Amino acid sequence: MKTMLTTVSELYDAVQLDLRQPPASATSRSERRLGLIGLITTWSERALFREELALMARDTPELIDDIGLTMEHVEIELAKPFWRR
């Protein structure tokens, strides 16, 4: 049960943080006002990025070095849930 409470608490904190600090790409007021839609979009982008990173690490690991990461960095990033920055 403790793990579940920690996960829910972490999710709640992430929602609060993302709603207060929208992504840098949200430049206009209307984009920042979207709130929940913007949050879901941000989380979708993170999940997609991590999927693409996992595919790159699996299929073409030599490209990981080319983008300036190590496999350790990749593993850390892939271990994060979609709501974590």
C-alpha atoms as a PDB file:
ATOM      1  CA  MET A   1       0.000   0.000   0.000  1.00  0.00           C
ATOM      2  CA  LYS A   2       2.861   2.365   0.727  1.00  0.00           C
ATOM      3  CA  THR A   3       4.093   2.141  -2.865  1.00  0.00           C
ATOM      4  CA  MET A   4       0.643   3.031  -4.178  1.00  0.00           C
ATOM      5  CA  LEU A   5       0.394   6.038  -1.866  1.00  0.00           C
ATOM      6  CA  THR A   6       3.855   7.178  -2.906  1.00  0.00           C
ATOM      7  CA  THR A   7       2.942   6.832  -6.575  1.00  0.00           C
ATOM      8  CA  VAL A   8      -0.322   8.733  -6.144  1.00  0.00           C
ATOM      9  CA  SER A   9       1.449  11.438  -4.160  1.00  0.00           C
ATOM     10  CA  GLU A  10       4.153  11.693  -6.825  1.00  0.00           C
ATOM     11  CA  LEU A  11       1.504  11.914  -9.542  1.00  0.00           C
ATOM     12  CA  TYR A  12      -0.350  14.647  -7.658  1.00  0.00           C
ATOM     13  CA  ASP A  13       2.889  16.621  -7.215  1.00  0.00           C
ATOM     14  CA  ALA A  14       3.679  16.234 -10.924  1.00  0.00           C
ATOM     15  CA  VAL A  15       0.221  17.497 -11.913  1.00  0.00           C
ATOM     16  CA  GLN A  16       0.633  20.532  -9.669  1.00  0.00           C
ATOM     17  CA  LEU A  17       4.105  21.256 -11.046  1.00  0.00           C
ATOM     18  CA  ASP A  18       3.116  20.841 -14.705  1.00  0.00           C
ATOM     19  CA  LEU A  19       0.028  23.014 -14.344  1.00  0.00           C
ATOM     20  CA  ARG A  20       2.048  25.775 -12.649  1.00  0.00           C
ATOM     21  CA  GLN A  21       5.005  25.519 -15.033  1.00  0.00           C
ATOM     22  CA  PRO A  22       3.768  24.757 -18.547  1.00  0.00           C
ATOM     23  CA  PRO A  23       6.268  23.531 -21.118  1.00  0.00           C
ATOM     24  CA  ALA A  24       8.461  26.155 -22.768  1.00  0.00           C
ATOM     25  CA  SER A  25       6.659  25.486 -26.040  1.00  0.00           C
ATOM     26  CA  ALA A  26       3.452  26.932 -24.566  1.00  0.00           C
ATOM     27  CA  THR A  27       4.219  30.545 -25.388  1.00  0.00           C
ATOM     28  CA  SER A  28       0.817  32.143 -25.778  1.00  0.00           C
ATOM     29  CA  ARG A  29      -1.727  32.705 -23.051  1.00  0.00           C
ATOM     30  CA  SER A  30      -4.284  30.536 -24.797  1.00  0.00           C
ATOM     31  CA  GLU A  31      -1.848  27.611 -24.839  1.00  0.00           C
ATOM     32  CA  ARG A  32      -1.087  28.057 -21.137  1.00  0.00           C
ATOM     33  CA  ARG A  33      -4.796  28.312 -20.286  1.00  0.00           C
ATOM     34  CA  LEU A  34      -5.599  24.903 -21.682  1.00  0.00           C
ATOM     35  CA  GLY A  35      -4.653  23.379 -18.348  1.00  0.00           C
ATOM     36  CA  LEU A  36      -5.721  19.771 -18.420  1.00  0.00           C
ATOM     37  CA  ILE A  37      -5.453  19.464 -22.199  1.00  0.00           C
ATOM     38  CA  GLY A  38      -1.946  20.897 -22.071  1.00  0.00           C
ATOM     39  CA  LEU A  39      -1.042  18.535 -19.256  1.00  0.00           C
ATOM     40  CA  ILE A  40      -2.251  15.500 -21.200  1.00  0.00           C
ATOM     41  CA  THR A  41      -0.386  16.710 -24.286  1.00  0.00           C
ATOM     42  CA  THR A  42       2.825  17.140 -22.298  1.00  0.00           C
ATOM     43  CA  TRP A  43       2.497  13.681 -20.787  1.00  0.00           C
ATOM     44  CA  SER A  44       1.798  12.166 -24.210  1.00  0.00           C
ATOM     45  CA  GLU A  45       4.895  13.843 -25.623  1.00  0.00           C
ATOM     46  CA  ARG A  46       7.005  12.459 -22.771  1.00  0.00           C
ATOM     47  CA  ALA A  47       5.650   8.952 -23.274  1.00  0.00           C
ATOM     48  CA  LEU A  48       6.264   9.128 -27.027  1.00  0.00           C
ATOM     49  CA  PHE A  49       9.797  10.445 -26.517  1.00  0.00           C
ATOM     50  CA  ARG A  50      10.576   7.594 -24.134  1.00  0.00           C
ATOM     51  CA  GLU A  51       9.147   5.033 -26.546  1.00  0.00           C
ATOM     52  CA  GLU A  52      11.304   6.418 -29.353  1.00  0.00           C
ATOM     53  CA  LEU A  53      14.343   6.444 -27.074  1.00  0.00           C
ATOM     54  CA  ALA A  54      13.726   2.802 -26.145  1.00  0.00           C
ATOM     55  CA  LEU A  55      13.479   1.838 -29.816  1.00  0.00           C
ATOM     56  CA  MET A  56      16.672   3.730 -30.612  1.00  0.00           C
ATOM     57  CA  ALA A  57      18.507   2.063 -27.733  1.00  0.00           C
ATOM     58  CA  ARG A  58      17.327  -1.356 -28.869  1.00  0.00           C
ATOM     59  CA  ASP A  59      17.699  -1.032 -32.647  1.00  0.00           C
ATOM     60  CA  THR A  60      20.554   1.427 -33.117  1.00  0.00           C
ATOM     61  CA  PRO A  61      22.510   1.784 -29.858  1.00  0.00           C
ATOM     62  CA  GLU A  62      25.354   3.546 -31.671  1.00  0.00           C
ATOM     63  CA  LEU A  63      23.038   6.556 -32.117  1.00  0.00           C
ATOM     64  CA  ILE A  64      22.769   6.919 -28.335  1.00  0.00           C
ATOM     65  CA  ASP A  65      26.418   7.985 -28.234  1.00  0.00           C
ATOM     66  CA  ASP A  66      25.813  10.334 -31.162  1.00  0.00           C
ATOM     67  CA  ILE A  67      23.180  12.282 -29.229  1.00  0.00           C
ATOM     68  CA  GLY A  68      25.478  12.563 -26.216  1.00  0.00           C
ATOM     69  CA  LEU A  69      23.870  10.038 -23.891  1.00  0.00           C
ATOM     70  CA  THR A  70      25.091   6.876 -22.274  1.00  0.00           C
ATOM     71  CA  MET A  71      23.084   3.695 -21.954  1.00  0.00           C
ATOM     72  CA  GLU A  72      22.923   4.412 -18.219  1.00  0.00           C
ATOM     73  CA  HIS A  73      21.228   7.769 -18.926  1.00  0.00           C
ATOM     74  CA  VAL A  74      18.814   6.027 -21.274  1.00  0.00           C
ATOM     75  CA  GLU A  75      17.909   3.404 -18.681  1.00  0.00           C
ATOM     76  CA  ILE A  76      17.271   6.101 -16.077  1.00  0.00           C
ATOM     77  CA  GLU A  77      15.039   8.034 -18.482  1.00  0.00           C
ATOM     78  CA  LEU A  78      13.122   4.912 -19.515  1.00  0.00           C
ATOM     79  CA  ALA A  79      12.500   3.967 -15.886  1.00  0.00           C
ATOM     80  CA  LYS A  80      10.563   7.188 -15.270  1.00  0.00           C
ATOM     81  CA  PRO A  81       6.766   7.123 -15.409  1.00  0.00           C
ATOM     82  CA  PHE A  82       5.178   9.412 -18.018  1.00  0.00           C
ATOM     83  CA  TRP A  83       4.304  12.105 -15.497  1.00  0.00           C
ATOM     84  CA  ARG A  84       7.889  12.640 -14.296  1.00  0.00           C
ATOM     85  CA  ARG A  85      10.088  15.227 -15.970  1.00  0.00           C
END
